[in-house]
């Protein structure tokens, strides 16, 4: 695998830009971020100049959303101004003698579409538990970018599919285990859900490697497995696991587990992971109004039972704390890959055995089936003149007369043939 696998698999941003025929043209999302970083501006500063929230600017730069109307024109004018300033600085830099012919690239030059040291604060370490999803928070932090992606023209080490999968697993698995625990309240089921999701991802790695959001692909698969209703029929899942030790954690977990699964998943994605409403609707395969209603009902239920969690910020913090209290560890990436390959071989051999059995059964049926039409045996007909069979006993006058007549006509009439001796 080359450099593109690293970008596609690990840290490629989600969504795509919807172009309009008569709308004001805008540069690519990466170019928008490059122009902002070239002026050493933060997303909050750009949002203040445009009069929009910081999350909106982040969505524009990641390509998940696209500005429209007056906001699009104002954003296009601001980007054009930044581009002209960058061009002027480049001209002045060419006219002035350079002290160093080969300077090291700086994080604020804007040449890297996703620099390793962004001006935004980096996500907190996993031990601190910033969110129940340790993946990049769509509301607070920028999307992490691999430090291996340097300036154009520099060589980056190629990654094999196994190395890219291991990097994706190390990036997403710890957070997904904690999220699955909040969904199910079961530690073993949370680990099993994440392992099954990554095993499925390894089986479909060519599809996952080019996905716009590999982390979202695996997260959706893990959520679907964790919320499957068939787990209730498994013997070891018929009894609840020990609840958290802290009383407040037990109360919050009890409220989460009493929510309907769609509302629980929507609440975790929006208030826990930090996805916006359209992304949450897309991942839960629901419309945006239905997702908004689920979120409102879930928040009302939580606020009615735990009034101190009526604020979404407080709820996000409590979800992070609840997910971080449990020591949930995922399996090693090689073990997951080996398990996926074993499962694939098992089902492949089972499919081959079933196909062979089906072919053998079909061949046996064709060999033993009749080759011509055999009419069915017609039902018997009643012989006229023969009295019905009765129980054993003495013969009546009619029966005795009939027996005598039959005995007399045995050899004389043409109706019967006497057996010839051999």
Protein backbone atom coordinates (compact mmCIF):
# COMPACT_ATOMS: atom_id res chain seq x y z
CA UNK A 1 0.00 0.00 0.00
CA UNK A 2 1.14 3.52 -0.69
CA UNK A 3 0.54 6.88 0.87
CA UNK A 4 -3.14 6.98 -0.17
CA UNK A 5 -3.97 3.93 1.99
CA UNK A 6 -2.72 5.79 5.04
CA UNK A 7 -4.94 8.76 4.26
CA UNK A 8 -8.02 6.77 3.23
CA UNK A 9 -7.89 4.23 6.03
CA UNK A 10 -7.04 6.29 9.06
CA UNK A 11 -7.82 9.94 8.93
CA UNK A 12 -9.76 10.79 5.80
CA UNK A 13 -12.54 13.21 6.64
CA UNK A 14 -16.19 12.27 6.33
CA UNK A 15 -18.80 13.45 3.89
CA UNK A 16 -18.47 15.09 0.49
CA UNK A 17 -19.08 18.52 -0.96
CA UNK A 18 -22.32 19.01 -2.83
CA UNK A 19 -21.76 21.31 -5.75
CA UNK A 20 -24.41 23.64 -7.10
CA UNK A 21 -24.69 24.80 -10.67
CA UNK A 22 -25.10 28.53 -10.04
CA UNK A 23 -23.42 28.78 -6.62
CA UNK A 24 -20.29 30.76 -5.89
CA UNK A 25 -17.25 28.51 -6.55
CA UNK A 26 -15.25 27.43 -3.52
CA UNK A 27 -11.84 25.76 -3.28
CA UNK A 28 -11.48 22.20 -2.09
CA UNK A 29 -11.94 21.54 1.65
CA UNK A 30 -8.22 20.88 2.14
CA UNK A 31 -7.38 24.12 0.34
CA UNK A 32 -9.74 26.02 2.64
CA UNK A 33 -7.91 24.71 5.67
CA UNK A 34 -4.52 25.40 4.06
CA UNK A 35 -5.43 29.04 3.38
CA UNK A 36 -6.57 29.50 6.99
CA UNK A 37 -3.45 27.94 8.44
CA UNK A 38 -1.24 29.97 6.10
CA UNK A 39 -2.46 33.09 7.93
CA UNK A 40 -2.10 31.35 11.34
CA UNK A 41 -5.83 31.75 11.97
CA UNK A 42 -7.95 29.42 14.09
CA UNK A 43 -11.36 28.10 13.23
CA UNK A 44 -12.84 30.22 16.01
CA UNK A 45 -11.40 33.39 14.44
CA UNK A 46 -12.81 32.50 11.02
CA UNK A 47 -16.18 31.74 12.63
CA UNK A 48 -16.15 35.12 14.41
CA UNK A 49 -15.46 36.96 11.16
CA UNK A 50 -18.30 35.15 9.38
CA UNK A 51 -20.73 35.17 12.31
CA UNK A 52 -21.19 31.39 12.43
CA UNK A 53 -20.40 28.73 15.06
CA UNK A 54 -16.98 27.13 15.14
CA UNK A 55 -18.48 23.70 14.36
CA UNK A 56 -19.84 25.09 11.09
CA UNK A 57 -16.40 26.21 9.95
CA UNK A 58 -14.99 22.85 10.91
CA UNK A 59 -17.65 21.13 8.80
CA UNK A 60 -16.81 23.36 5.83
CA UNK A 61 -13.12 22.57 6.07
CA UNK A 62 -13.67 18.83 6.47
CA UNK A 63 -16.10 18.65 3.54
CA UNK A 64 -19.03 17.27 5.52
CA UNK A 65 -21.13 20.38 4.90
CA UNK A 66 -21.14 23.16 2.33
CA UNK A 67 -22.14 26.80 2.90
CA UNK A 68 -25.07 28.20 0.96
CA UNK A 69 -26.52 31.58 0.16
CA UNK A 70 -24.95 34.64 1.74
CA UNK A 71 -22.70 32.56 3.95
CA UNK A 72 -21.22 30.93 0.86
CA UNK A 73 -20.51 34.31 -0.74
CA UNK A 74 -18.96 35.68 2.45
CA UNK A 75 -16.85 32.55 2.91
CA UNK A 76 -15.72 32.65 -0.74
CA UNK A 77 -14.71 36.31 -0.42
CA UNK A 78 -12.77 35.60 2.76
CA UNK A 79 -10.94 32.68 1.14
CA UNK A 80 -10.13 34.82 -1.89
CA UNK A 81 -8.70 37.47 0.42
CA UNK A 82 -6.59 34.87 2.21
CA UNK A 83 -5.39 33.48 -1.14
CA UNK A 84 -4.36 36.92 -2.40
CA UNK A 85 -2.50 37.63 0.83
CA UNK A 86 -0.70 34.31 0.56
CA UNK A 87 0.26 35.10 -3.06
CA UNK A 88 1.60 38.52 -2.05
CA UNK A 89 3.70 37.00 0.70
CA UNK A 90 5.04 34.40 -1.70
CA UNK A 91 6.07 37.13 -4.17
CA UNK A 92 7.80 39.11 -1.41
CA UNK A 93 9.55 35.98 -0.22
CA UNK A 94 10.87 35.30 -3.73
CA UNK A 95 12.18 38.87 -4.09
CA UNK A 96 13.99 38.79 -0.74
CA UNK A 97 17.12 36.58 -0.39
CA UNK A 98 16.48 33.40 1.53
CA UNK A 99 18.88 32.83 4.46
CA UNK A 100 18.57 29.09 4.25
CA UNK A 101 18.18 27.37 0.87
CA UNK A 102 16.50 24.33 2.42
CA UNK A 103 14.48 25.37 5.44
CA UNK A 104 12.47 22.86 7.34
CA UNK A 105 8.72 23.03 6.69
CA UNK A 106 6.79 24.86 9.38
CA UNK A 107 3.32 23.89 10.58
CA UNK A 108 1.94 27.33 9.62
CA UNK A 109 3.19 27.48 6.02
CA UNK A 110 0.06 25.81 4.75
CA UNK A 111 1.87 23.46 2.36
CA UNK A 112 0.61 20.41 4.22
CA UNK A 113 -3.12 19.82 3.75
CA UNK A 114 -3.24 18.24 7.21
CA UNK A 115 -0.17 19.32 9.25
CA UNK A 116 1.02 17.25 12.13
CA UNK A 117 0.93 20.13 14.62
CA UNK A 118 -2.30 21.96 14.08
CA UNK A 119 -2.97 25.29 15.77
CA UNK A 120 -5.96 23.69 17.49
CA UNK A 121 -5.37 21.85 20.79
CA UNK A 122 -4.78 18.12 20.33
CA UNK A 123 -7.19 15.55 21.81
CA UNK A 124 -6.56 14.55 25.39
CA UNK A 125 -4.85 11.20 26.01
CA UNK A 126 -6.97 8.11 26.27
CA UNK A 127 -6.43 7.66 29.98
CA UNK A 128 -8.14 10.97 30.69
CA UNK A 129 -11.24 9.83 28.81
CA UNK A 130 -12.23 13.05 26.95
CA UNK A 131 -15.28 11.43 25.40
CA UNK A 132 -16.74 7.93 25.37
CA UNK A 133 -15.47 7.82 21.77
CA UNK A 134 -11.74 8.49 21.84
CA UNK A 135 -11.90 9.17 18.14
CA UNK A 136 -11.82 12.85 17.07
CA UNK A 137 -14.61 14.85 18.65
CA UNK A 138 -16.57 16.61 15.93
CA UNK A 139 -17.57 19.38 18.35
CA UNK A 140 -14.26 20.19 20.00
CA UNK A 141 -11.16 18.95 18.24
CA UNK A 142 -9.97 18.81 14.64
CA UNK A 143 -9.58 15.51 12.84
CA UNK A 144 -6.20 13.96 13.71
CA UNK A 145 -3.80 13.72 10.81
CA UNK A 146 -0.96 11.24 10.53
CA UNK A 147 2.45 12.82 10.96
CA UNK A 148 3.75 10.70 8.10
CA UNK A 149 1.93 12.88 5.58
CA UNK A 150 4.55 15.52 4.78
CA UNK A 151 5.04 18.00 1.97
CA UNK A 152 4.42 16.96 -1.64
CA UNK A 153 7.49 15.42 -3.14
CA UNK A 154 8.67 13.75 0.05
CA UNK A 155 8.55 9.98 0.19
CA UNK A 156 6.32 8.36 2.76
CA UNK A 157 6.77 4.76 3.91
CA UNK A 158 4.35 2.39 2.24
CA UNK A 159 1.97 0.43 4.43
CA UNK A 160 0.80 -3.09 3.89
CA UNK A 161 -2.90 -3.85 4.38
CA UNK A 162 -2.13 -5.52 7.71
CA UNK A 163 -0.21 -2.46 8.96
CA UNK A 164 -2.98 -0.10 7.88
CA UNK A 165 -5.58 -2.30 9.57
CA UNK A 166 -3.53 -2.43 12.77
CA UNK A 167 -3.22 1.36 12.76
CA UNK A 168 -6.99 1.76 12.31
CA UNK A 169 -7.62 -0.78 15.08
CA UNK A 170 -5.25 0.95 17.49
CA UNK A 171 -6.91 4.28 16.72
CA UNK A 172 -10.57 3.21 17.10
CA UNK A 173 -10.82 0.02 19.17
CA UNK A 174 -10.34 1.43 22.71
CA UNK A 175 -13.00 4.10 22.19
CA UNK A 176 -15.42 1.68 20.50
CA UNK A 177 -15.21 -0.77 23.41
CA UNK A 178 -16.24 1.97 25.83
CA UNK A 179 -19.07 3.11 23.56
CA UNK A 180 -20.36 -0.46 23.19
CA UNK A 181 -20.30 -0.79 26.98
CA UNK A 182 -22.53 2.29 27.28
CA UNK A 183 -24.88 0.77 24.71
CA UNK A 184 -25.19 -2.67 26.29
CA UNK A 185 -23.98 -2.43 29.89
CA UNK A 186 -22.02 -5.66 29.35
CA UNK A 187 -18.25 -5.76 29.26
CA UNK A 188 -17.79 -9.03 27.40
CA UNK A 189 -20.42 -8.13 24.83
CA UNK A 190 -18.73 -4.77 24.26
CA UNK A 191 -15.38 -6.41 23.52
CA UNK A 192 -17.03 -9.07 21.36
CA UNK A 193 -18.92 -6.44 19.34
CA UNK A 194 -15.76 -4.51 18.55
CA UNK A 195 -13.86 -7.66 17.61
CA UNK A 196 -16.65 -8.84 15.30
CA UNK A 197 -16.84 -5.40 13.68
CA UNK A 198 -13.10 -5.35 12.96
CA UNK A 199 -13.17 -8.94 11.76
CA UNK A 200 -15.85 -7.94 9.28
CA UNK A 201 -13.76 -4.91 8.30
CA UNK A 202 -10.72 -7.13 7.65
CA UNK A 203 -12.81 -9.47 5.49
CA UNK A 204 -14.01 -6.46 3.47
CA UNK A 205 -10.77 -4.52 3.67
CA UNK A 206 -10.71 -3.38 -0.01
CA UNK A 207 -14.08 -1.73 0.62
CA UNK A 208 -13.18 -0.27 4.01
CA UNK A 209 -9.77 1.00 2.83
CA UNK A 210 -11.34 3.41 0.33
CA UNK A 211 -14.27 4.44 2.52
CA UNK A 212 -14.57 8.13 3.34
CA UNK A 213 -14.83 7.35 7.05
CA UNK A 214 -13.34 3.96 8.01
CA UNK A 215 -13.84 4.67 11.71
CA UNK A 216 -17.54 5.37 11.11
CA UNK A 217 -17.86 2.16 9.06
CA UNK A 218 -16.47 0.06 11.91
CA UNK A 219 -18.47 1.98 14.52
CA UNK A 220 -21.74 1.30 12.70
CA UNK A 221 -20.92 -2.42 12.44
CA UNK A 222 -20.05 -2.59 16.15
CA UNK A 223 -23.26 -0.79 17.15
CA UNK A 224 -25.39 -3.09 15.01
CA UNK A 225 -23.87 -6.20 16.57
CA UNK A 226 -24.04 -4.83 20.10
CA UNK A 227 -27.74 -3.90 19.80
CA UNK A 228 -28.78 -7.15 18.12
CA UNK A 229 -31.88 -8.58 19.85
CA UNK A 230 -30.64 -12.16 19.43
CA UNK A 231 -28.17 -11.82 22.31
CA UNK A 232 -31.01 -12.26 24.79
CA UNK A 233 -31.29 -15.94 23.78
CA UNK A 234 -27.66 -16.70 24.60
CA UNK A 235 -27.29 -18.50 27.95
CA UNK A 236 -24.53 -16.31 29.37
CA UNK A 237 -26.41 -13.09 28.57
CA UNK A 238 -29.63 -13.99 30.39
CA UNK A 239 -28.28 -12.66 33.68
CA UNK A 240 -27.15 -9.03 34.15
CA UNK A 241 -23.52 -8.21 34.85
CA UNK A 242 -22.40 -6.45 38.04
CA UNK A 243 -23.21 -2.71 37.82
CA UNK A 244 -20.61 0.05 38.33
CA UNK A 245 -19.39 0.59 41.85
CA UNK A 246 -20.28 4.29 42.11
CA UNK A 247 -23.92 5.14 42.86
CA UNK A 248 -24.10 7.99 40.31
CA UNK A 249 -22.60 5.76 37.63
CA UNK A 250 -25.15 3.06 38.42
CA UNK A 251 -27.99 5.57 38.13
CA UNK A 252 -26.76 6.87 34.77
CA UNK A 253 -26.21 3.35 33.41
CA UNK A 254 -29.69 2.33 34.55
CA UNK A 255 -31.21 5.31 32.72
CA UNK A 256 -29.26 4.50 29.55
CA UNK A 257 -30.27 0.84 29.56
CA UNK A 258 -33.95 1.73 30.01
CA UNK A 259 -33.91 3.91 26.89
CA UNK A 260 -35.09 2.28 23.66
CA UNK A 261 -32.10 1.14 21.56
CA UNK A 262 -32.62 3.76 18.79
CA UNK A 263 -32.76 6.60 21.33
CA UNK A 264 -29.79 5.22 23.26
CA UNK A 265 -27.71 5.02 20.08
CA UNK A 266 -28.71 8.51 18.95
CA UNK A 267 -27.90 10.00 22.35
CA UNK A 268 -24.49 8.34 22.44
CA UNK A 269 -23.56 9.43 18.92
CA UNK A 270 -24.67 13.03 19.38
CA UNK A 271 -23.84 13.81 23.01
CA UNK A 272 -21.13 11.20 23.50
CA UNK A 273 -19.13 10.85 20.29
CA UNK A 274 -19.91 14.40 19.14
CA UNK A 275 -21.43 13.85 15.69
CA UNK A 276 -23.77 16.49 14.33
CA UNK A 277 -27.42 15.79 13.58
CA UNK A 278 -27.10 14.89 9.84
CA UNK A 279 -24.20 12.52 10.54
CA UNK A 280 -26.11 10.89 13.38
CA UNK A 281 -29.16 10.46 11.14
CA UNK A 282 -27.04 8.92 8.40
CA UNK A 283 -25.33 6.47 10.75
CA UNK A 284 -28.60 5.40 12.38
CA UNK A 285 -30.30 5.14 8.96
CA UNK A 286 -33.09 7.53 9.92
CA UNK A 287 -34.31 10.88 8.71
CA UNK A 288 -33.06 14.06 10.33
CA UNK A 289 -36.45 14.93 11.94
CA UNK A 290 -36.78 11.41 13.33
CA UNK A 291 -33.26 11.60 14.73
CA UNK A 292 -33.99 14.97 16.32
CA UNK A 293 -37.13 13.56 17.97
CA UNK A 294 -35.20 10.57 19.30
CA UNK A 295 -32.55 12.87 20.74
CA UNK A 296 -35.12 15.13 22.39
CA UNK A 297 -37.00 12.20 23.93
CA UNK A 298 -33.78 10.64 25.19
CA UNK A 299 -32.66 13.91 26.78
CA UNK A 300 -36.07 14.39 28.38
CA UNK A 301 -35.95 10.91 29.86
CA UNK A 302 -32.46 11.42 31.26
CA UNK A 303 -33.35 14.88 32.62
CA UNK A 304 -36.54 13.58 34.25
CA UNK A 305 -34.67 10.89 36.19
CA UNK A 306 -31.37 12.76 36.63
CA UNK A 307 -32.11 16.51 36.67
CA UNK A 308 -28.43 17.39 37.11
CA UNK A 309 -27.76 16.01 33.59
CA UNK A 310 -30.22 18.28 31.78
CA UNK A 311 -27.31 20.29 30.36
CA UNK A 312 -25.80 18.56 27.28
CA UNK A 313 -22.28 19.59 28.28
CA UNK A 314 -22.69 17.99 31.69
CA UNK A 315 -24.20 14.90 30.08
CA UNK A 316 -21.22 14.62 27.72
CA UNK A 317 -18.81 14.86 30.63
CA UNK A 318 -20.69 12.24 32.68
CA UNK A 319 -20.78 9.86 29.73
CA UNK A 320 -17.03 10.28 29.38
CA UNK A 321 -16.48 9.58 33.06
CA UNK A 322 -18.78 6.55 33.05
CA UNK A 323 -17.02 5.08 30.02
CA UNK A 324 -13.57 5.69 31.52
CA UNK A 325 -14.24 4.11 34.90
CA UNK A 326 -14.40 0.58 33.49
CA UNK A 327 -11.10 -1.05 32.57
CA UNK A 328 -12.09 -2.31 29.16
CA UNK A 329 -9.27 -3.57 27.00
CA UNK A 330 -9.57 -4.70 23.42
CA UNK A 331 -7.72 -7.64 21.92
CA UNK A 332 -4.50 -7.23 19.98
CA UNK A 333 -4.79 -6.44 16.25
CA UNK A 334 -3.02 -9.65 15.10
CA UNK A 335 -5.44 -11.75 17.14
CA UNK A 336 -8.39 -9.99 15.51
CA UNK A 337 -6.97 -10.50 12.03
CA UNK A 338 -6.23 -14.18 12.70
CA UNK A 339 -9.73 -14.68 14.11
CA UNK A 340 -11.24 -13.05 11.04
CA UNK A 341 -9.25 -15.28 8.71
CA UNK A 342 -10.24 -18.40 10.68
CA UNK A 343 -13.88 -17.42 10.59
CA UNK A 344 -13.68 -16.77 6.86
CA UNK A 345 -12.06 -20.17 6.27
CA UNK A 346 -14.68 -21.92 8.41
CA UNK A 347 -17.60 -20.41 6.55
CA UNK A 348 -15.91 -21.01 3.20
CA UNK A 349 -15.42 -24.68 3.98
CA UNK A 350 -18.98 -24.93 5.30
CA UNK A 351 -20.29 -23.40 2.07
CA UNK A 352 -18.18 -25.82 0.00
CA UNK A 353 -19.43 -28.80 2.03
CA UNK A 354 -23.04 -27.69 1.68
CA UNK A 355 -22.57 -27.22 -2.07
CA UNK A 356 -21.03 -30.70 -2.43
CA UNK A 357 -23.89 -32.24 -0.43
CA UNK A 358 -26.44 -30.42 -2.57
CA UNK A 359 -24.76 -31.55 -5.79
CA UNK A 360 -24.60 -35.15 -4.53
CA UNK A 361 -28.25 -35.14 -3.53
CA UNK A 362 -29.23 -33.75 -6.91
CA UNK A 363 -27.17 -36.36 -8.75
CA UNK A 364 -28.69 -39.19 -6.68
CA UNK A 365 -32.18 -37.91 -7.36
CA UNK A 366 -31.51 -37.75 -11.10
CA UNK A 367 -30.05 -41.27 -11.03
CA UNK A 368 -32.94 -42.89 -9.18
CA UNK A 369 -35.83 -40.90 -10.65
CA UNK A 370 -38.02 -42.69 -13.27
CA UNK A 371 -37.30 -41.86 -16.91
CA UNK A 372 -40.82 -42.46 -18.25
CA UNK A 373 -44.34 -41.80 -17.18
CA UNK A 374 -45.94 -44.50 -15.06
CA UNK A 375 -49.69 -44.03 -14.69
CA UNK A 376 -51.04 -44.54 -11.22
CA UNK A 377 -52.93 -47.73 -10.33
CA UNK A 378 -56.67 -47.05 -10.78
CA UNK A 379 -58.96 -47.71 -7.85
CA UNK A 380 -60.79 -51.04 -7.73
CA UNK A 381 -64.27 -51.45 -9.20
CA UNK A 382 -67.18 -53.31 -7.66
CA UNK A 383 -67.98 -56.66 -9.42
CA UNK A 384 -71.70 -56.96 -10.13
CA UNK A 385 -73.51 -60.03 -8.87
CA UNK A 386 -71.10 -60.86 -6.06
CA UNK A 387 -72.65 -60.46 -2.64
CA UNK A 388 -70.78 -58.36 -0.14
CA UNK A 389 -68.33 -60.07 2.14
CA UNK A 390 -69.82 -60.94 5.48
CA UNK A 391 -68.57 -62.40 8.68
CA UNK A 392 -67.78 -66.14 8.82
CA UNK A 393 -70.79 -68.39 9.31
CA UNK A 394 -73.22 -70.62 7.48
CA UNK A 395 -74.08 -69.74 3.89
CA UNK A 396 -77.43 -68.40 2.99
CA UNK A 397 -79.58 -70.01 0.30
CA UNK A 398 -78.45 -67.53 -2.32
CA UNK A 399 -74.78 -68.02 -1.47
CA UNK A 400 -75.12 -71.78 -1.52
CA UNK A 401 -76.90 -71.65 -4.90
CA UNK A 402 -74.20 -69.35 -6.30
CA UNK A 403 -71.41 -71.65 -5.06
CA UNK A 404 -73.04 -74.65 -6.62
CA UNK A 405 -73.44 -72.86 -9.95
CA UNK A 406 -69.84 -71.73 -9.96
CA UNK A 407 -68.60 -75.24 -9.24
CA UNK A 408 -70.66 -76.67 -12.05
CA UNK A 409 -69.49 -74.13 -14.62
CA UNK A 410 -65.78 -74.24 -13.74
CA UNK A 411 -64.69 -76.47 -16.68
CA UNK A 412 -67.55 -76.04 -19.09
CA UNK A 413 -67.73 -72.32 -19.63
CA UNK A 414 -65.17 -70.19 -21.60
CA UNK A 415 -65.03 -67.62 -18.81
CA UNK A 416 -62.53 -69.66 -16.78
CA UNK A 417 -59.44 -71.66 -17.73
CA UNK A 418 -58.38 -74.75 -15.94
CA UNK A 419 -54.65 -74.82 -15.08
CA UNK A 420 -52.87 -77.35 -17.26
CA UNK A 421 -50.57 -79.81 -15.52
CA UNK A 422 -46.83 -79.41 -16.29
